[in-house]
């Protein structure tokens, strides 16, 4: 199983949903094979665009899991956790799927002391971190595309994505 650890995400609770959505939509889009209609999306309050799969069911599933994770995270004392996206294959005769790829992101919700000067520096640092995470995703994707026989032969479609996938989250 391939595991891809993304740079840790530190952001405010107000930014968390959009950032998680951008990160995991980028991965899902890059795992979609064949004719998939892309959709550009901008992260609110940041000049960052990402591409997502134009599939309502996939988006709703992701958004639901992100919201569930955020609720658990915000209700925790630590405000730290981990969100994973796992791609797996399953056989008809087996109830358990075999994970062949896992994307792991550690998350920390922070509260910044804000004044106008400080806010600009924080936004600049956060924007830089998001670019770093999105670039790391593309680097990992390119790495896997260069490997022969990387993808499982038994493709099991979940809509626009030709592989089954699931989310897991943990609070620290």
C-alpha atoms as a PDB file:
ATOM      1  CA  UNK A   1       0.000   0.000   0.000  1.00  0.00           C
ATOM      2  CA  UNK A   2       1.235   3.467  -0.914  1.00  0.00           C
ATOM      3  CA  UNK A   3       0.869   6.101   1.779  1.00  0.00           C
ATOM      4  CA  UNK A   4       1.193   9.775   0.960  1.00  0.00           C
ATOM      5  CA  UNK A   5       1.748  12.130   3.885  1.00  0.00           C
ATOM      6  CA  UNK A   6       0.858  15.703   3.060  1.00  0.00           C
ATOM      7  CA  UNK A   7       2.367  18.704   4.864  1.00  0.00           C
ATOM      8  CA  UNK A   8       0.490  19.438   8.105  1.00  0.00           C
ATOM      9  CA  UNK A   9      -2.345  21.931   7.748  1.00  0.00           C
ATOM     10  CA  UNK A  10      -2.666  24.685  10.354  1.00  0.00           C
ATOM     11  CA  UNK A  11      -5.542  27.066   9.832  1.00  0.00           C
ATOM     12  CA  UNK A  12      -8.498  28.732  11.527  1.00  0.00           C
ATOM     13  CA  UNK A  13     -11.852  27.009  11.900  1.00  0.00           C
ATOM     14  CA  UNK A  14     -13.308  29.449   9.355  1.00  0.00           C
ATOM     15  CA  UNK A  15     -10.838  28.308   6.667  1.00  0.00           C
ATOM     16  CA  UNK A  16     -10.865  24.601   7.469  1.00  0.00           C
ATOM     17  CA  UNK A  17     -13.800  23.413   5.355  1.00  0.00           C
ATOM     18  CA  UNK A  18     -12.641  25.149   2.171  1.00  0.00           C
ATOM     19  CA  UNK A  19      -9.036  24.003   2.607  1.00  0.00           C
ATOM     20  CA  UNK A  20      -9.946  20.366   3.258  1.00  0.00           C
ATOM     21  CA  UNK A  21     -12.344  20.415   0.325  1.00  0.00           C
ATOM     22  CA  UNK A  22      -9.674  21.864  -2.007  1.00  0.00           C
ATOM     23  CA  UNK A  23      -7.069  19.317  -0.915  1.00  0.00           C
ATOM     24  CA  UNK A  24      -9.216  16.213  -1.204  1.00  0.00           C
ATOM     25  CA  UNK A  25     -11.100  17.346  -4.329  1.00  0.00           C
ATOM     26  CA  UNK A  26      -7.690  17.777  -5.997  1.00  0.00           C
ATOM     27  CA  UNK A  27      -6.782  14.186  -5.142  1.00  0.00           C
ATOM     28  CA  UNK A  28     -10.156  12.843  -6.289  1.00  0.00           C
ATOM     29  CA  UNK A  29      -9.949  14.740  -9.574  1.00  0.00           C
ATOM     30  CA  UNK A  30      -6.503  13.322 -10.244  1.00  0.00           C
ATOM     31  CA  UNK A  31      -7.719   9.787  -9.533  1.00  0.00           C
ATOM     32  CA  UNK A  32     -10.627  10.137 -11.953  1.00  0.00           C
ATOM     33  CA  UNK A  33      -9.784   8.377 -15.194  1.00  0.00           C
ATOM     34  CA  UNK A  34     -11.480   8.798 -18.544  1.00  0.00           C
ATOM     35  CA  UNK A  35     -13.911  11.493 -19.497  1.00  0.00           C
ATOM     36  CA  UNK A  36     -14.399  13.552 -16.384  1.00  0.00           C
ATOM     37  CA  UNK A  37     -15.732  17.056 -16.550  1.00  0.00           C
ATOM     38  CA  UNK A  38     -13.526  19.344 -14.448  1.00  0.00           C
ATOM     39  CA  UNK A  39     -14.836  22.288 -12.501  1.00  0.00           C
ATOM     40  CA  UNK A  40     -12.650  25.165 -11.344  1.00  0.00           C
ATOM     41  CA  UNK A  41     -13.225  26.432  -7.835  1.00  0.00           C
ATOM     42  CA  UNK A  42     -11.673  29.310  -5.903  1.00  0.00           C
ATOM     43  CA  UNK A  43     -10.882  29.195  -2.214  1.00  0.00           C
ATOM     44  CA  UNK A  44     -12.752  32.049  -0.555  1.00  0.00           C
ATOM     45  CA  UNK A  45     -10.555  34.978   0.581  1.00  0.00           C
ATOM     46  CA  UNK A  46      -7.505  33.489  -1.168  1.00  0.00           C
ATOM     47  CA  UNK A  47      -6.316  33.701  -4.739  1.00  0.00           C
ATOM     48  CA  UNK A  48      -6.056  29.909  -4.981  1.00  0.00           C
ATOM     49  CA  UNK A  49      -7.907  27.862  -7.568  1.00  0.00           C
ATOM     50  CA  UNK A  50      -8.229  24.100  -7.745  1.00  0.00           C
ATOM     51  CA  UNK A  51      -9.934  21.603 -10.029  1.00  0.00           C
ATOM     52  CA  UNK A  52     -12.631  19.288  -8.786  1.00  0.00           C
ATOM     53  CA  UNK A  53     -14.724  16.525 -10.262  1.00  0.00           C
ATOM     54  CA  UNK A  54     -18.104  17.775 -11.419  1.00  0.00           C
ATOM     55  CA  UNK A  55     -20.004  14.951  -9.735  1.00  0.00           C
ATOM     56  CA  UNK A  56     -22.578  15.932  -7.128  1.00  0.00           C
ATOM     57  CA  UNK A  57     -22.595  12.576  -5.348  1.00  0.00           C
ATOM     58  CA  UNK A  58     -18.814  12.524  -4.879  1.00  0.00           C
ATOM     59  CA  UNK A  59     -18.804  16.144  -3.677  1.00  0.00           C
ATOM     60  CA  UNK A  60     -21.633  15.542  -1.208  1.00  0.00           C
ATOM     61  CA  UNK A  61     -19.910  12.458   0.206  1.00  0.00           C
ATOM     62  CA  UNK A  62     -16.667  14.387   0.720  1.00  0.00           C
ATOM     63  CA  UNK A  63     -18.378  17.454   2.188  1.00  0.00           C
ATOM     64  CA  UNK A  64     -20.366  15.310   4.599  1.00  0.00           C
ATOM     65  CA  UNK A  65     -17.214  13.593   5.866  1.00  0.00           C
ATOM     66  CA  UNK A  66     -15.363  16.914   6.148  1.00  0.00           C
ATOM     67  CA  UNK A  67     -18.227  18.418   8.167  1.00  0.00           C
ATOM     68  CA  UNK A  68     -18.294  15.382  10.476  1.00  0.00           C
ATOM     69  CA  UNK A  69     -14.514  15.658  10.995  1.00  0.00           C
ATOM     70  CA  UNK A  70     -14.674  19.406  11.653  1.00  0.00           C
ATOM     71  CA  UNK A  71     -17.399  18.964  14.280  1.00  0.00           C
ATOM     72  CA  UNK A  72     -15.347  16.334  16.117  1.00  0.00           C
ATOM     73  CA  UNK A  73     -12.211  18.472  15.793  1.00  0.00           C
ATOM     74  CA  UNK A  74     -13.809  21.667  17.086  1.00  0.00           C
ATOM     75  CA  UNK A  75     -15.371  19.831  20.023  1.00  0.00           C
ATOM     76  CA  UNK A  76     -12.041  18.327  21.049  1.00  0.00           C
ATOM     77  CA  UNK A  77      -9.625  19.871  23.517  1.00  0.00           C
ATOM     78  CA  UNK A  78      -6.584  19.379  21.306  1.00  0.00           C
ATOM     79  CA  UNK A  79      -8.084  20.813  18.091  1.00  0.00           C
ATOM     80  CA  UNK A  80      -5.786  18.369  16.270  1.00  0.00           C
ATOM     81  CA  UNK A  81      -6.590  15.397  14.116  1.00  0.00           C
ATOM     82  CA  UNK A  82      -5.969  13.472  10.951  1.00  0.00           C
ATOM     83  CA  UNK A  83      -8.089  13.095   7.837  1.00  0.00           C
ATOM     84  CA  UNK A  84      -7.458  10.252   5.382  1.00  0.00           C
ATOM     85  CA  UNK A  85      -8.665   9.343   1.935  1.00  0.00           C
ATOM     86  CA  UNK A  86      -8.233   5.665   1.089  1.00  0.00           C
ATOM     87  CA  UNK A  87      -8.644   3.989  -2.285  1.00  0.00           C
ATOM     88  CA  UNK A  88      -9.349   0.272  -2.147  1.00  0.00           C
ATOM     89  CA  UNK A  89     -10.469  -2.731  -4.134  1.00  0.00           C
ATOM     90  CA  UNK A  90     -12.838  -5.390  -2.943  1.00  0.00           C
ATOM     91  CA  UNK A  91     -13.711  -8.818  -4.240  1.00  0.00           C
ATOM     92  CA  UNK A  92     -17.251 -10.128  -4.389  1.00  0.00           C
ATOM     93  CA  UNK A  93     -16.324 -12.932  -2.025  1.00  0.00           C
ATOM     94  CA  UNK A  94     -14.742 -10.612   0.543  1.00  0.00           C
ATOM     95  CA  UNK A  95     -16.413  -8.168   2.898  1.00  0.00           C
ATOM     96  CA  UNK A  96     -13.121  -6.367   3.528  1.00  0.00           C
ATOM     97  CA  UNK A  97     -11.525  -4.147   0.893  1.00  0.00           C
ATOM     98  CA  UNK A  98      -7.789  -3.989   0.300  1.00  0.00           C
ATOM     99  CA  UNK A  99      -6.441  -0.436   0.495  1.00  0.00           C
ATOM    100  CA  UNK A 100      -3.900   0.257  -2.239  1.00  0.00           C
ATOM    101  CA  UNK A 101      -3.446   4.009  -1.725  1.00  0.00           C
ATOM    102  CA  UNK A 102      -3.876   6.291   1.277  1.00  0.00           C
ATOM    103  CA  UNK A 103      -3.616  10.090   1.531  1.00  0.00           C
ATOM    104  CA  UNK A 104      -2.975  11.406   5.044  1.00  0.00           C
ATOM    105  CA  UNK A 105      -3.301  14.982   6.284  1.00  0.00           C
ATOM    106  CA  UNK A 106      -2.703  16.103   9.861  1.00  0.00           C
ATOM    107  CA  UNK A 107      -4.779  19.117  10.814  1.00  0.00           C
ATOM    108  CA  UNK A 108      -4.567  21.658  13.606  1.00  0.00           C
ATOM    109  CA  UNK A 109      -7.130  24.381  14.188  1.00  0.00           C
ATOM    110  CA  UNK A 110      -5.454  27.549  15.415  1.00  0.00           C
ATOM    111  CA  UNK A 111      -6.694  30.891  16.668  1.00  0.00           C
ATOM    112  CA  UNK A 112      -4.587  33.877  15.688  1.00  0.00           C
ATOM    113  CA  UNK A 113      -4.231  37.158  17.509  1.00  0.00           C
ATOM    114  CA  UNK A 114      -5.227  39.492  14.750  1.00  0.00           C
ATOM    115  CA  UNK A 115      -4.364  43.029  14.006  1.00  0.00           C
ATOM    116  CA  UNK A 116      -4.141  44.395  10.476  1.00  0.00           C
ATOM    117  CA  UNK A 117      -0.365  43.916  10.193  1.00  0.00           C
ATOM    118  CA  UNK A 118      -0.416  40.442  11.651  1.00  0.00           C
ATOM    119  CA  UNK A 119      -3.417  39.327   9.569  1.00  0.00           C
ATOM    120  CA  UNK A 120      -1.578  40.026   6.304  1.00  0.00           C
ATOM    121  CA  UNK A 121       1.421  37.941   7.410  1.00  0.00           C
ATOM    122  CA  UNK A 122      -0.802  35.080   8.575  1.00  0.00           C
ATOM    123  CA  UNK A 123      -2.774  35.000   5.312  1.00  0.00           C
ATOM    124  CA  UNK A 124       0.454  35.040   3.313  1.00  0.00           C
ATOM    125  CA  UNK A 125       1.860  32.136   5.344  1.00  0.00           C
ATOM    126  CA  UNK A 126      -1.413  30.169   5.094  1.00  0.00           C
ATOM    127  CA  UNK A 127      -1.587  30.732   1.336  1.00  0.00           C
ATOM    128  CA  UNK A 128       1.988  29.510   0.991  1.00  0.00           C
ATOM    129  CA  UNK A 129       1.144  26.386   3.019  1.00  0.00           C
ATOM    130  CA  UNK A 130      -1.866  25.616   0.797  1.00  0.00           C
ATOM    131  CA  UNK A 131       0.277  25.957  -2.333  1.00  0.00           C
ATOM    132  CA  UNK A 132       2.837  23.637  -0.748  1.00  0.00           C
ATOM    133  CA  UNK A 133       0.167  21.005   0.002  1.00  0.00           C
ATOM    134  CA  UNK A 134      -1.388  21.216  -3.473  1.00  0.00           C
ATOM    135  CA  UNK A 135       2.051  21.000  -5.097  1.00  0.00           C
ATOM    136  CA  UNK A 136       2.894  17.940  -2.989  1.00  0.00           C
ATOM    137  CA  UNK A 137      -0.308  16.270  -4.213  1.00  0.00           C
ATOM    138  CA  UNK A 138       0.683  16.883  -7.835  1.00  0.00           C
ATOM    139  CA  UNK A 139       4.224  15.610  -7.143  1.00  0.00           C
ATOM    140  CA  UNK A 140       2.812  12.390  -5.644  1.00  0.00           C
ATOM    141  CA  UNK A 141       0.328  12.001  -8.518  1.00  0.00           C
ATOM    142  CA  UNK A 142       3.127  12.395 -11.079  1.00  0.00           C
ATOM    143  CA  UNK A 143       5.204   9.842  -9.193  1.00  0.00           C
ATOM    144  CA  UNK A 144       2.410   7.269  -9.322  1.00  0.00           C
ATOM    145  CA  UNK A 145       1.682   7.942 -12.997  1.00  0.00           C
ATOM    146  CA  UNK A 146       5.299   7.168 -13.829  1.00  0.00           C
ATOM    147  CA  UNK A 147       5.055   3.701 -12.247  1.00  0.00           C
ATOM    148  CA  UNK A 148       4.086   0.826 -14.475  1.00  0.00           C
ATOM    149  CA  UNK A 149       1.205  -1.263 -13.153  1.00  0.00           C
ATOM    150  CA  UNK A 150       0.564   1.141 -10.270  1.00  0.00           C
ATOM    151  CA  UNK A 151      -3.225   1.073 -10.470  1.00  0.00           C
ATOM    152  CA  UNK A 152      -5.122  -2.075  -9.513  1.00  0.00           C
ATOM    153  CA  UNK A 153      -6.440  -4.141 -12.394  1.00  0.00           C
ATOM    154  CA  UNK A 154      -9.787  -4.658 -10.639  1.00  0.00           C
ATOM    155  CA  UNK A 155     -11.361  -1.252 -10.996  1.00  0.00           C
ATOM    156  CA  UNK A 156     -14.496  -0.851  -8.940  1.00  0.00           C
ATOM    157  CA  UNK A 157     -16.306   2.318  -9.920  1.00  0.00           C
ATOM    158  CA  UNK A 158     -17.607   4.877  -7.420  1.00  0.00           C
ATOM    159  CA  UNK A 159     -19.192   7.177 -10.006  1.00  0.00           C
ATOM    160  CA  UNK A 160     -16.615   9.313 -11.835  1.00  0.00           C
ATOM    161  CA  UNK A 161     -13.809   7.728  -9.823  1.00  0.00           C
ATOM    162  CA  UNK A 162     -12.955   4.227 -11.133  1.00  0.00           C
ATOM    163  CA  UNK A 163     -11.879   3.046  -7.677  1.00  0.00           C
ATOM    164  CA  UNK A 164     -13.780   2.619  -4.441  1.00  0.00           C
ATOM    165  CA  UNK A 165     -12.755   5.102  -1.787  1.00  0.00           C
ATOM    166  CA  UNK A 166     -13.544   5.978   1.783  1.00  0.00           C
ATOM    167  CA  UNK A 167     -12.599   8.550   4.387  1.00  0.00           C
ATOM    168  CA  UNK A 168     -11.290   8.070   7.881  1.00  0.00           C
ATOM    169  CA  UNK A 169     -10.678  10.647  10.551  1.00  0.00           C
ATOM    170  CA  UNK A 170      -9.046  10.596  13.943  1.00  0.00           C
ATOM    171  CA  UNK A 171      -8.895  13.189  16.705  1.00  0.00           C
ATOM    172  CA  UNK A 172      -5.701  13.388  18.762  1.00  0.00           C
END
